[in-house]
Amino acid sequence: MDFIVNQNNSTAVVKTNVERLNASNASELKSELVFLNKSSVNNIVIDMSKTKYCDSSGLSAILVANRLCKDTNGKFILCGLQPNVEKLIQIAQLDRVLVIEADEKNALSKINS
């Protein structure tokens, strides 16, 4: 399984269980995010601590999560970024748009605040 989802009421933590988030698996992540959103989950944390590489397809999936949460007045937080992924997000200037935390614990405390 490429993605592990832990759901608690209207909040879900999605852990990427892949080293590379790219065109081969980003559509699966998008599907998971849309399913969560349709199941009344409007707070999503994506923990990317196991992902060392992300391409434009992966960034697209992340942006889908951000939009779905915003559209339902929820919160979206990205956490556990590896250096290469963090650099890509900074180059794309998405660090200005996305909420990024160091780890899942910090992300969940921000959602619950």
PDB file of N, CA and C in Angstrom:
ATOM      1  N   MET A   1       0.845  -1.186   0.000  1.00  0.00           N
ATOM      2  CA  MET A   1       0.000   0.000   0.000  1.00  0.00           C
ATOM      3  C   MET A   1       0.891   1.250   0.000  1.00  0.00           C
ATOM      4  N   ASP A   2       0.627   2.145  -0.934  1.00  0.00           N
ATOM      5  CA  ASP A   2       1.464   3.343  -1.082  1.00  0.00           C
ATOM      6  C   ASP A   2       1.143   4.444  -0.079  1.00  0.00           C
ATOM      7  N   PHE A   3      -0.101   4.441   0.419  1.00  0.00           N
ATOM      8  CA  PHE A   3      -0.517   5.511   1.323  1.00  0.00           C
ATOM      9  C   PHE A   3      -1.292   4.902   2.493  1.00  0.00           C
ATOM     10  N   ILE A   4      -0.962   5.342   3.688  1.00  0.00           N
ATOM     11  CA  ILE A   4      -1.622   4.861   4.896  1.00  0.00           C
ATOM     12  C   ILE A   4      -2.456   6.004   5.447  1.00  0.00           C
ATOM     13  N   VAL A   5      -3.747   5.744   5.648  1.00  0.00           N
ATOM     14  CA  VAL A   5      -4.657   6.782   6.117  1.00  0.00           C
ATOM     15  C   VAL A   5      -5.156   6.443   7.511  1.00  0.00           C
ATOM     16  N   ASN A   6      -4.974   7.381   8.431  1.00  0.00           N
ATOM     17  CA  ASN A   6      -5.540   7.277   9.770  1.00  0.00           C
ATOM     18  C   ASN A   6      -6.538   8.405   9.932  1.00  0.00           C
ATOM     19  N   GLN A   7      -7.803   8.018  10.108  1.00  0.00           N
ATOM     20  CA  GLN A   7      -8.869   9.022  10.186  1.00  0.00           C
ATOM     21  C   GLN A   7      -9.449   9.082  11.585  1.00  0.00           C
ATOM     22  N   ASN A   8      -9.691  10.302  12.066  1.00  0.00           N
ATOM     23  CA  ASN A   8     -10.308  10.524  13.362  1.00  0.00           C
ATOM     24  C   ASN A   8     -11.300  11.664  13.202  1.00  0.00           C
ATOM     25  N   ASN A   9     -12.574  11.345  13.131  1.00  0.00           N
ATOM     26  CA  ASN A   9     -13.643  12.321  12.899  1.00  0.00           C
ATOM     27  C   ASN A   9     -13.389  13.074  11.591  1.00  0.00           C
ATOM     28  N   SER A  10     -13.251  14.395  11.652  1.00  0.00           N
ATOM     29  CA  SER A  10     -13.101  15.184  10.427  1.00  0.00           C
ATOM     30  C   SER A  10     -11.641  15.451  10.071  1.00  0.00           C
ATOM     31  N   THR A  11     -10.721  14.712  10.715  1.00  0.00           N
ATOM     32  CA  THR A  11      -9.294  14.888  10.446  1.00  0.00           C
ATOM     33  C   THR A  11      -8.682  13.561   9.993  1.00  0.00           C
ATOM     34  N   ALA A  12      -7.821  13.646   8.983  1.00  0.00           N
ATOM     35  CA  ALA A  12      -7.118  12.451   8.511  1.00  0.00           C
ATOM     36  C   ALA A  12      -5.640  12.754   8.361  1.00  0.00           C
ATOM     37  N   VAL A  13      -4.828  11.765   8.700  1.00  0.00           N
ATOM     38  CA  VAL A  13      -3.389  11.832   8.459  1.00  0.00           C
ATOM     39  C   VAL A  13      -3.090  10.821   7.360  1.00  0.00           C
ATOM     40  N   VAL A  14      -2.521  11.314   6.283  1.00  0.00           N
ATOM     41  CA  VAL A  14      -2.151  10.454   5.161  1.00  0.00           C
ATOM     42  C   VAL A  14      -0.624  10.371   5.136  1.00  0.00           C
ATOM     43  N   LYS A  15      -0.117   9.158   5.314  1.00  0.00           N
ATOM     44  CA  LYS A  15       1.339   8.959   5.288  1.00  0.00           C
ATOM     45  C   LYS A  15       1.721   8.386   3.933  1.00  0.00           C
ATOM     46  N   THR A  16       2.648   9.072   3.276  1.00  0.00           N
ATOM     47  CA  THR A  16       3.137   8.543   2.006  1.00  0.00           C
ATOM     48  C   THR A  16       4.140   7.446   2.326  1.00  0.00           C
ATOM     49  N   ASN A  17       3.852   6.257   1.853  1.00  0.00           N
ATOM     50  CA  ASN A  17       4.684   5.104   2.124  1.00  0.00           C
ATOM     51  C   ASN A  17       5.517   4.766   0.881  1.00  0.00           C
ATOM     52  N   VAL A  18       5.921   5.827   0.175  1.00  0.00           N
ATOM     53  CA  VAL A  18       6.683   5.669  -1.066  1.00  0.00           C
ATOM     54  C   VAL A  18       7.921   6.554  -1.013  1.00  0.00           C
ATOM     55  N   GLU A  19       8.975   6.105  -1.673  1.00  0.00           N
ATOM     56  CA  GLU A  19      10.193   6.909  -1.737  1.00  0.00           C
ATOM     57  C   GLU A  19      10.061   8.009  -2.784  1.00  0.00           C
ATOM     58  N   ARG A  20       9.247   7.721  -3.825  1.00  0.00           N
ATOM     59  CA  ARG A  20       9.067   8.684  -4.917  1.00  0.00           C
ATOM     60  C   ARG A  20       7.586   8.942  -5.129  1.00  0.00           C
ATOM     61  N   LEU A  21       7.166  10.189  -4.959  1.00  0.00           N
ATOM     62  CA  LEU A  21       5.784  10.583  -5.259  1.00  0.00           C
ATOM     63  C   LEU A  21       5.821  11.188  -6.656  1.00  0.00           C
ATOM     64  N   ASN A  22       5.333  10.413  -7.633  1.00  0.00           N
ATOM     65  CA  ASN A  22       5.429  10.844  -9.025  1.00  0.00           C
ATOM     66  C   ASN A  22       4.204  10.394  -9.814  1.00  0.00           C
ATOM     67  N   ALA A  23       4.278  10.469 -11.123  1.00  0.00           N
ATOM     68  CA  ALA A  23       3.138  10.162 -11.983  1.00  0.00           C
ATOM     69  C   ALA A  23       2.609   8.737 -11.778  1.00  0.00           C
ATOM     70  N   SER A  24       3.456   7.822 -11.340  1.00  0.00           N
ATOM     71  CA  SER A  24       3.014   6.442 -11.178  1.00  0.00           C
ATOM     72  C   SER A  24       2.103   6.233  -9.964  1.00  0.00           C
ATOM     73  N   ASN A  25       2.127   7.146  -8.986  1.00  0.00           N
ATOM     74  CA  ASN A  25       1.302   6.944  -7.797  1.00  0.00           C
ATOM     75  C   ASN A  25       0.538   8.191  -7.337  1.00  0.00           C
ATOM     76  N   ALA A  26       0.781   9.332  -7.947  1.00  0.00           N
ATOM     77  CA  ALA A  26       0.107  10.569  -7.517  1.00  0.00           C
ATOM     78  C   ALA A  26      -1.398  10.497  -7.724  1.00  0.00           C
ATOM     79  N   SER A  27      -1.848   9.812  -8.778  1.00  0.00           N
ATOM     80  CA  SER A  27      -3.293   9.720  -9.021  1.00  0.00           C
ATOM     81  C   SER A  27      -3.972   8.914  -7.911  1.00  0.00           C
ATOM     82  N   GLU A  28      -3.268   7.918  -7.370  1.00  0.00           N
ATOM     83  CA  GLU A  28      -3.816   7.153  -6.240  1.00  0.00           C
ATOM     84  C   GLU A  28      -3.974   8.063  -5.015  1.00  0.00           C
ATOM     85  N   LEU A  29      -2.987   8.924  -4.781  1.00  0.00           N
ATOM     86  CA  LEU A  29      -3.072   9.866  -3.666  1.00  0.00           C
ATOM     87  C   LEU A  29      -4.228  10.833  -3.873  1.00  0.00           C
ATOM     88  N   LYS A  30      -4.373  11.365  -5.082  1.00  0.00           N
ATOM     89  CA  LYS A  30      -5.489  12.273  -5.372  1.00  0.00           C
ATOM     90  C   LYS A  30      -6.828  11.599  -5.101  1.00  0.00           C
ATOM     91  N   SER A  31      -6.971  10.356  -5.556  1.00  0.00           N
ATOM     92  CA  SER A  31      -8.214   9.609  -5.336  1.00  0.00           C
ATOM     93  C   SER A  31      -8.500   9.462  -3.849  1.00  0.00           C
ATOM     94  N   GLU A  32      -7.479   9.145  -3.080  1.00  0.00           N
ATOM     95  CA  GLU A  32      -7.624   8.997  -1.632  1.00  0.00           C
ATOM     96  C   GLU A  32      -8.086  10.307  -0.999  1.00  0.00           C
ATOM     97  N   LEU A  33      -7.512  11.409  -1.447  1.00  0.00           N
ATOM     98  CA  LEU A  33      -7.855  12.727  -0.901  1.00  0.00           C
ATOM     99  C   LEU A  33      -9.289  13.118  -1.243  1.00  0.00           C
ATOM    100  N   VAL A  34      -9.707  12.862  -2.463  1.00  0.00           N
ATOM    101  CA  VAL A  34     -11.083  13.174  -2.876  1.00  0.00           C
ATOM    102  C   VAL A  34     -12.058  12.314  -2.082  1.00  0.00           C
ATOM    103  N   PHE A  35     -11.741  11.040  -1.906  1.00  0.00           N
ATOM    104  CA  PHE A  35     -12.593  10.143  -1.117  1.00  0.00           C
ATOM    105  C   PHE A  35     -12.732  10.664   0.317  1.00  0.00           C
ATOM    106  N   LEU A  36     -11.631  11.053   0.937  1.00  0.00           N
ATOM    107  CA  LEU A  36     -11.678  11.592   2.300  1.00  0.00           C
ATOM    108  C   LEU A  36     -12.562  12.825   2.363  1.00  0.00           C
ATOM    109  N   ASN A  37     -12.391  13.713   1.387  1.00  0.00           N
ATOM    110  CA  ASN A  37     -13.164  14.950   1.365  1.00  0.00           C
ATOM    111  C   ASN A  37     -14.667  14.659   1.221  1.00  0.00           C
ATOM    112  N   LYS A  38     -15.013  13.701   0.396  1.00  0.00           N
ATOM    113  CA  LYS A  38     -16.421  13.337   0.210  1.00  0.00           C
ATOM    114  C   LYS A  38     -16.981  12.615   1.430  1.00  0.00           C
ATOM    115  N   SER A  39     -16.079  12.119   2.299  1.00  0.00           N
ATOM    116  CA  SER A  39     -16.484  11.453   3.539  1.00  0.00           C
ATOM    117  C   SER A  39     -16.501  12.434   4.712  1.00  0.00           C
ATOM    118  N   SER A  40     -16.628  13.719   4.411  1.00  0.00           N
ATOM    119  CA  SER A  40     -16.713  14.795   5.416  1.00  0.00           C
ATOM    120  C   SER A  40     -15.427  15.009   6.201  1.00  0.00           C
ATOM    121  N   VAL A  41     -14.303  14.656   5.620  1.00  0.00           N
ATOM    122  CA  VAL A  41     -13.005  14.967   6.230  1.00  0.00           C
ATOM    123  C   VAL A  41     -12.525  16.272   5.614  1.00  0.00           C
ATOM    124  N   ASN A  42     -12.394  17.312   6.436  1.00  0.00           N
ATOM    125  CA  ASN A  42     -11.949  18.594   5.879  1.00  0.00           C
ATOM    126  C   ASN A  42     -10.632  19.082   6.470  1.00  0.00           C
ATOM    127  N   ASN A  43     -10.021  18.283   7.345  1.00  0.00           N
ATOM    128  CA  ASN A  43      -8.684  18.569   7.865  1.00  0.00           C
ATOM    129  C   ASN A  43      -7.779  17.418   7.458  1.00  0.00           C
ATOM    130  N   ILE A  44      -6.747  17.732   6.677  1.00  0.00           N
ATOM    131  CA  ILE A  44      -5.853  16.682   6.189  1.00  0.00           C
ATOM    132  C   ILE A  44      -4.404  17.053   6.470  1.00  0.00           C
ATOM    133  N   VAL A  45      -3.680  16.080   7.021  1.00  0.00           N
ATOM    134  CA  VAL A  45      -2.237  16.193   7.205  1.00  0.00           C
ATOM    135  C   VAL A  45      -1.603  15.166   6.273  1.00  0.00           C
ATOM    136  N   ILE A  46      -0.672  15.595   5.449  1.00  0.00           N
ATOM    137  CA  ILE A  46       0.097  14.644   4.645  1.00  0.00           C
ATOM    138  C   ILE A  46       1.508  14.593   5.222  1.00  0.00           C
ATOM    139  N   ASP A  47       1.859  13.405   5.712  1.00  0.00           N
ATOM    140  CA  ASP A  47       3.179  13.171   6.288  1.00  0.00           C
ATOM    141  C   ASP A  47       4.052  12.535   5.207  1.00  0.00           C
ATOM    142  N   MET A  48       5.040  13.287   4.739  1.00  0.00           N
ATOM    143  CA  MET A  48       5.896  12.829   3.646  1.00  0.00           C
ATOM    144  C   MET A  48       7.279  12.407   4.124  1.00  0.00           C
ATOM    145  N   SER A  49       7.389  11.967   5.363  1.00  0.00           N
ATOM    146  CA  SER A  49       8.699  11.660   5.926  1.00  0.00           C
ATOM    147  C   SER A  49       9.412  10.493   5.228  1.00  0.00           C
ATOM    148  N   LYS A  50       8.685   9.646   4.511  1.00  0.00           N
ATOM    149  CA  LYS A  50       9.329   8.531   3.795  1.00  0.00           C
ATOM    150  C   LYS A  50       9.582   8.863   2.323  1.00  0.00           C
ATOM    151  N   THR A  51       9.185  10.046   1.895  1.00  0.00           N
ATOM    152  CA  THR A  51       9.290  10.407   0.482  1.00  0.00           C
ATOM    153  C   THR A  51      10.499  11.301   0.245  1.00  0.00           C
ATOM    154  N   LYS A  52      11.418  10.816  -0.597  1.00  0.00           N
ATOM    155  CA  LYS A  52      12.657  11.543  -0.873  1.00  0.00           C
ATOM    156  C   LYS A  52      12.615  12.308  -2.186  1.00  0.00           C
ATOM    157  N   TYR A  53      11.619  12.023  -3.006  1.00  0.00           N
ATOM    158  CA  TYR A  53      11.522  12.667  -4.325  1.00  0.00           C
ATOM    159  C   TYR A  53      10.056  12.938  -4.640  1.00  0.00           C
ATOM    160  N   CYS A  54       9.810  14.084  -5.235  1.00  0.00           N
ATOM    161  CA  CYS A  54       8.451  14.454  -5.630  1.00  0.00           C
ATOM    162  C   CYS A  54       8.549  15.199  -6.953  1.00  0.00           C
ATOM    163  N   ASP A  55       7.688  14.856  -7.907  1.00  0.00           N
ATOM    164  CA  ASP A  55       7.678  15.576  -9.180  1.00  0.00           C
ATOM    165  C   ASP A  55       6.409  16.431  -9.275  1.00  0.00           C
ATOM    166  N   SER A  56       6.157  16.986 -10.444  1.00  0.00           N
ATOM    167  CA  SER A  56       5.004  17.882 -10.619  1.00  0.00           C
ATOM    168  C   SER A  56       3.679  17.165 -10.377  1.00  0.00           C
ATOM    169  N   SER A  57       3.596  15.879 -10.671  1.00  0.00           N
ATOM    170  CA  SER A  57       2.367  15.118 -10.398  1.00  0.00           C
ATOM    171  C   SER A  57       2.120  15.042  -8.893  1.00  0.00           C
ATOM    172  N   GLY A  58       3.179  14.827  -8.147  1.00  0.00           N
ATOM    173  CA  GLY A  58       3.062  14.798  -6.691  1.00  0.00           C
ATOM    174  C   GLY A  58       2.664  16.146  -6.125  1.00  0.00           C
ATOM    175  N   LEU A  59       3.271  17.219  -6.656  1.00  0.00           N
ATOM    176  CA  LEU A  59       2.900  18.571  -6.217  1.00  0.00           C
ATOM    177  C   LEU A  59       1.434  18.843  -6.529  1.00  0.00           C
ATOM    178  N   SER A  60       0.977  18.363  -7.668  1.00  0.00           N
ATOM    179  CA  SER A  60      -0.426  18.541  -8.050  1.00  0.00           C
ATOM    180  C   SER A  60      -1.353  17.871  -7.030  1.00  0.00           C
ATOM    181  N   ALA A  61      -1.000  16.669  -6.595  1.00  0.00           N
ATOM    182  CA  ALA A  61      -1.812  15.972  -5.589  1.00  0.00           C
ATOM    183  C   ALA A  61      -1.851  16.752  -4.275  1.00  0.00           C
ATOM    184  N   ILE A  62      -0.710  17.316  -3.892  1.00  0.00           N
ATOM    185  CA  ILE A  62      -0.632  18.120  -2.672  1.00  0.00           C
ATOM    186  C   ILE A  62      -1.530  19.353  -2.791  1.00  0.00           C
ATOM    187  N   LEU A  63      -1.504  19.979  -3.950  1.00  0.00           N
ATOM    188  CA  LEU A  63      -2.341  21.169  -4.167  1.00  0.00           C
ATOM    189  C   LEU A  63      -3.821  20.817  -4.195  1.00  0.00           C
ATOM    190  N   VAL A  64      -4.166  19.628  -4.676  1.00  0.00           N
ATOM    191  CA  VAL A  64      -5.557  19.168  -4.631  1.00  0.00           C
ATOM    192  C   VAL A  64      -6.015  19.088  -3.174  1.00  0.00           C
ATOM    193  N   ALA A  65      -5.184  18.511  -2.324  1.00  0.00           N
ATOM    194  CA  ALA A  65      -5.531  18.409  -0.901  1.00  0.00           C
ATOM    195  C   ALA A  65      -5.735  19.786  -0.286  1.00  0.00           C
ATOM    196  N   ASN A  66      -4.842  20.707  -0.609  1.00  0.00           N
ATOM    197  CA  ASN A  66      -4.941  22.073  -0.087  1.00  0.00           C
ATOM    198  C   ASN A  66      -6.260  22.718  -0.516  1.00  0.00           C
ATOM    199  N   ARG A  67      -6.612  22.563  -1.799  1.00  0.00           N
ATOM    200  CA  ARG A  67      -7.843  23.166  -2.319  1.00  0.00           C
ATOM    201  C   ARG A  67      -9.083  22.527  -1.695  1.00  0.00           C
ATOM    202  N   LEU A  68      -9.106  21.197  -1.590  1.00  0.00           N
ATOM    203  CA  LEU A  68     -10.258  20.505  -1.006  1.00  0.00           C
ATOM    204  C   LEU A  68     -10.504  20.967   0.433  1.00  0.00           C
ATOM    205  N   CYS A  69      -9.437  21.105   1.201  1.00  0.00           N
ATOM    206  CA  CYS A  69      -9.579  21.547   2.591  1.00  0.00           C
ATOM    207  C   CYS A  69     -10.066  22.990   2.661  1.00  0.00           C
ATOM    208  N   LYS A  70      -9.508  23.855   1.829  1.00  0.00           N
ATOM    209  CA  LYS A  70      -9.930  25.264   1.830  1.00  0.00           C
ATOM    210  C   LYS A  70     -11.388  25.402   1.420  1.00  0.00           C
ATOM    211  N   ASP A  71     -11.806  24.620   0.422  1.00  0.00           N
ATOM    212  CA  ASP A  71     -13.179  24.696  -0.072  1.00  0.00           C
ATOM    213  C   ASP A  71     -14.196  24.259   0.975  1.00  0.00           C
ATOM    214  N   THR A  72     -13.761  23.474   1.957  1.00  0.00           N
ATOM    215  CA  THR A  72     -14.676  23.003   3.004  1.00  0.00           C
ATOM    216  C   THR A  72     -14.345  23.622   4.368  1.00  0.00           C
ATOM    217  N   ASN A  73     -13.657  24.763   4.338  1.00  0.00           N
ATOM    218  CA  ASN A  73     -13.283  25.496   5.559  1.00  0.00           C
ATOM    219  C   ASN A  73     -12.472  24.648   6.536  1.00  0.00           C
ATOM    220  N   GLY A  74     -11.638  23.780   5.983  1.00  0.00           N
ATOM    221  CA  GLY A  74     -10.781  22.945   6.820  1.00  0.00           C
ATOM    222  C   GLY A  74      -9.347  23.426   6.760  1.00  0.00           C
ATOM    223  N   LYS A  75      -8.460  22.605   7.301  1.00  0.00           N
ATOM    224  CA  LYS A  75      -7.036  22.936   7.324  1.00  0.00           C
ATOM    225  C   LYS A  75      -6.253  21.829   6.631  1.00  0.00           C
ATOM    226  N   PHE A  76      -5.239  22.238   5.870  1.00  0.00           N
ATOM    227  CA  PHE A  76      -4.331  21.300   5.233  1.00  0.00           C
ATOM    228  C   PHE A  76      -2.921  21.607   5.689  1.00  0.00           C
ATOM    229  N   ILE A  77      -2.220  20.574   6.152  1.00  0.00           N
ATOM    230  CA  ILE A  77      -0.845  20.762   6.623  1.00  0.00           C
ATOM    231  C   ILE A  77       0.032  19.653   6.047  1.00  0.00           C
ATOM    232  N   LEU A  78       1.179  20.061   5.567  1.00  0.00           N
ATOM    233  CA  LEU A  78       2.178  19.155   5.024  1.00  0.00           C
ATOM    234  C   LEU A  78       3.276  19.021   6.075  1.00  0.00           C
ATOM    235  N   CYS A  79       3.750  17.806   6.313  1.00  0.00           N
ATOM    236  CA  CYS A  79       4.806  17.653   7.316  1.00  0.00           C
ATOM    237  C   CYS A  79       5.800  16.571   6.911  1.00  0.00           C
ATOM    238  N   GLY A  80       6.910  16.540   7.627  1.00  0.00           N
ATOM    239  CA  GLY A  80       7.924  15.526   7.427  1.00  0.00           C
ATOM    240  C   GLY A  80       8.668  15.626   6.109  1.00  0.00           C
ATOM    241  N   LEU A  81       8.856  16.843   5.629  1.00  0.00           N
ATOM    242  CA  LEU A  81       9.493  17.003   4.322  1.00  0.00           C
ATOM    243  C   LEU A  81      10.974  16.651   4.364  1.00  0.00           C
ATOM    244  N   GLN A  82      11.393  15.816   3.432  1.00  0.00           N
ATOM    245  CA  GLN A  82      12.799  15.503   3.239  1.00  0.00           C
ATOM    246  C   GLN A  82      13.452  16.678   2.501  1.00  0.00           C
ATOM    247  N   PRO A  83      14.760  16.861   2.631  1.00  0.00           N
ATOM    248  CA  PRO A  83      15.428  18.032   2.041  1.00  0.00           C
ATOM    249  C   PRO A  83      15.146  18.258   0.547  1.00  0.00           C
ATOM    250  N   ASN A  84      15.175  17.207  -0.263  1.00  0.00           N
ATOM    251  CA  ASN A  84      14.933  17.380  -1.705  1.00  0.00           C
ATOM    252  C   ASN A  84      13.515  17.844  -1.999  1.00  0.00           C
ATOM    253  N   VAL A  85      12.554  17.303  -1.263  1.00  0.00           N
ATOM    254  CA  VAL A  85      11.152  17.678  -1.460  1.00  0.00           C
ATOM    255  C   VAL A  85      10.927  19.106  -0.972  1.00  0.00           C
ATOM    256  N   GLU A  86      11.517  19.437   0.161  1.00  0.00           N
ATOM    257  CA  GLU A  86      11.388  20.790   0.704  1.00  0.00           C
ATOM    258  C   GLU A  86      11.967  21.816  -0.268  1.00  0.00           C
ATOM    259  N   LYS A  87      13.097  21.482  -0.870  1.00  0.00           N
ATOM    260  CA  LYS A  87      13.737  22.382  -1.833  1.00  0.00           C
ATOM    261  C   LYS A  87      12.840  22.600  -3.049  1.00  0.00           C
ATOM    262  N   LEU A  88      12.223  21.535  -3.554  1.00  0.00           N
ATOM    263  CA  LEU A  88      11.310  21.639  -4.690  1.00  0.00           C
ATOM    264  C   LEU A  88      10.127  22.546  -4.358  1.00  0.00           C
ATOM    265  N   ILE A  89       9.577  22.385  -3.166  1.00  0.00           N
ATOM    266  CA  ILE A  89       8.443  23.210  -2.743  1.00  0.00           C
ATOM    267  C   ILE A  89       8.859  24.675  -2.635  1.00  0.00           C
ATOM    268  N   GLN A  90      10.065  24.924  -2.168  1.00  0.00           N
ATOM    269  CA  GLN A  90      10.559  26.304  -2.086  1.00  0.00           C
ATOM    270  C   GLN A  90      10.798  26.891  -3.470  1.00  0.00           C
ATOM    271  N   ILE A  91      11.369  26.106  -4.380  1.00  0.00           N
ATOM    272  CA  ILE A  91      11.615  26.582  -5.741  1.00  0.00           C
ATOM    273  C   ILE A  91      10.291  26.942  -6.424  1.00  0.00           C
ATOM    274  N   ALA A  92       9.267  26.109  -6.185  1.00  0.00           N
ATOM    275  CA  ALA A  92       7.941  26.367  -6.765  1.00  0.00           C
ATOM    276  C   ALA A  92       7.184  27.449  -5.991  1.00  0.00           C
ATOM    277  N   GLN A  93       7.803  27.966  -4.941  1.00  0.00           N
ATOM    278  CA  GLN A  93       7.234  28.994  -4.070  1.00  0.00           C
ATOM    279  C   GLN A  93       5.921  28.556  -3.415  1.00  0.00           C
ATOM    280  N   LEU A  94       5.766  27.252  -3.258  1.00  0.00           N
ATOM    281  CA  LEU A  94       4.575  26.733  -2.595  1.00  0.00           C
ATOM    282  C   LEU A  94       4.672  26.836  -1.078  1.00  0.00           C
ATOM    283  N   ASP A  95       5.877  27.113  -0.570  1.00  0.00           N
ATOM    284  CA  ASP A  95       6.021  27.316   0.867  1.00  0.00           C
ATOM    285  C   ASP A  95       5.309  28.593   1.315  1.00  0.00           C
ATOM    286  N   ARG A  96       4.953  29.446   0.354  1.00  0.00           N
ATOM    287  CA  ARG A  96       4.181  30.665   0.650  1.00  0.00           C
ATOM    288  C   ARG A  96       2.684  30.381   0.693  1.00  0.00           C
ATOM    289  N   VAL A  97       2.282  29.260   0.115  1.00  0.00           N
ATOM    290  CA  VAL A  97       0.866  28.912  -0.007  1.00  0.00           C
ATOM    291  C   VAL A  97       0.465  27.833   0.991  1.00  0.00           C
ATOM    292  N   LEU A  98       1.354  26.878   1.199  1.00  0.00           N
ATOM    293  CA  LEU A  98       1.055  25.717   2.037  1.00  0.00           C
ATOM    294  C   LEU A  98       1.507  25.940   3.481  1.00  0.00           C
ATOM    295  N   VAL A  99       0.785  25.295   4.401  1.00  0.00           N
ATOM    296  CA  VAL A  99       1.209  25.279   5.798  1.00  0.00           C
ATOM    297  C   VAL A  99       2.094  24.049   5.957  1.00  0.00           C
ATOM    298  N   ILE A 100       3.316  24.266   6.433  1.00  0.00           N
ATOM    299  CA  ILE A 100       4.290  23.179   6.557  1.00  0.00           C
ATOM    300  C   ILE A 100       4.771  23.109   7.999  1.00  0.00           C
ATOM    301  N   GLU A 101       4.737  21.903   8.548  1.00  0.00           N
ATOM    302  CA  GLU A 101       5.219  21.669   9.908  1.00  0.00           C
ATOM    303  C   GLU A 101       6.311  20.611   9.878  1.00  0.00           C
ATOM    304  N   ALA A 102       7.106  20.540  10.932  1.00  0.00           N
ATOM    305  CA  ALA A 102       8.233  19.605  10.987  1.00  0.00           C
ATOM    306  C   ALA A 102       7.780  18.149  11.031  1.00  0.00           C
ATOM    307  N   ASP A 103       6.733  17.878  11.840  1.00  0.00           N
ATOM    308  CA  ASP A 103       6.301  16.491  12.003  1.00  0.00           C
ATOM    309  C   ASP A 103       4.795  16.410  12.256  1.00  0.00           C
ATOM    310  N   GLU A 104       4.315  15.173  12.321  1.00  0.00           N
ATOM    311  CA  GLU A 104       2.874  14.923  12.484  1.00  0.00           C
ATOM    312  C   GLU A 104       2.333  15.506  13.790  1.00  0.00           C
ATOM    313  N   LYS A 105       3.104  15.395  14.853  1.00  0.00           N
ATOM    314  CA  LYS A 105       2.661  15.916  16.160  1.00  0.00           C
ATOM    315  C   LYS A 105       2.401  17.425  16.076  1.00  0.00           C
ATOM    316  N   ASN A 106       3.328  18.176  15.503  1.00  0.00           N
ATOM    317  CA  ASN A 106       3.153  19.623  15.365  1.00  0.00           C
ATOM    318  C   ASN A 106       1.975  19.947  14.441  1.00  0.00           C
ATOM    319  N   ALA A 107       1.828  19.161  13.374  1.00  0.00           N
ATOM    320  CA  ALA A 107       0.734  19.396  12.426  1.00  0.00           C
ATOM    321  C   ALA A 107      -0.619  19.191  13.097  1.00  0.00           C
ATOM    322  N   LEU A 108      -0.748  18.116  13.849  1.00  0.00           N
ATOM    323  CA  LEU A 108      -2.030  17.848  14.515  1.00  0.00           C
ATOM    324  C   LEU A 108      -2.330  18.871  15.596  1.00  0.00           C
ATOM    325  N   SER A 109      -1.307  19.347  16.296  1.00  0.00           N
ATOM    326  CA  SER A 109      -1.552  20.367  17.321  1.00  0.00           C
ATOM    327  C   SER A 109      -2.025  21.673  16.652  1.00  0.00           C
ATOM    328  N   LYS A 110      -1.536  21.946  15.452  1.00  0.00           N
ATOM    329  CA  LYS A 110      -1.958  23.146  14.729  1.00  0.00           C
ATOM    330  C   LYS A 110      -3.404  23.003  14.241  1.00  0.00           C
ATOM    331  N   ILE A 111      -3.784  21.818  13.832  1.00  0.00           N
ATOM    332  CA  ILE A 111      -5.174  21.574  13.401  1.00  0.00           C
ATOM    333  C   ILE A 111      -6.119  21.714  14.572  1.00  0.00           C
ATOM    334  N   ASN A 112      -5.728  21.202  15.716  1.00  0.00           N
ATOM    335  CA  ASN A 112      -6.599  21.210  16.895  1.00  0.00           C
ATOM    336  C   ASN A 112      -6.611  22.529  17.642  1.00  0.00           C
ATOM    337  N   SER A 113      -5.799  23.492  17.197  1.00  0.00           N
ATOM    338  CA  SER A 113      -5.767  24.785  17.905  1.00  0.00           C
ATOM    339  C   SER A 113      -6.812  25.736  17.370  1.00  0.00           C
TER     340      SER A 113
END
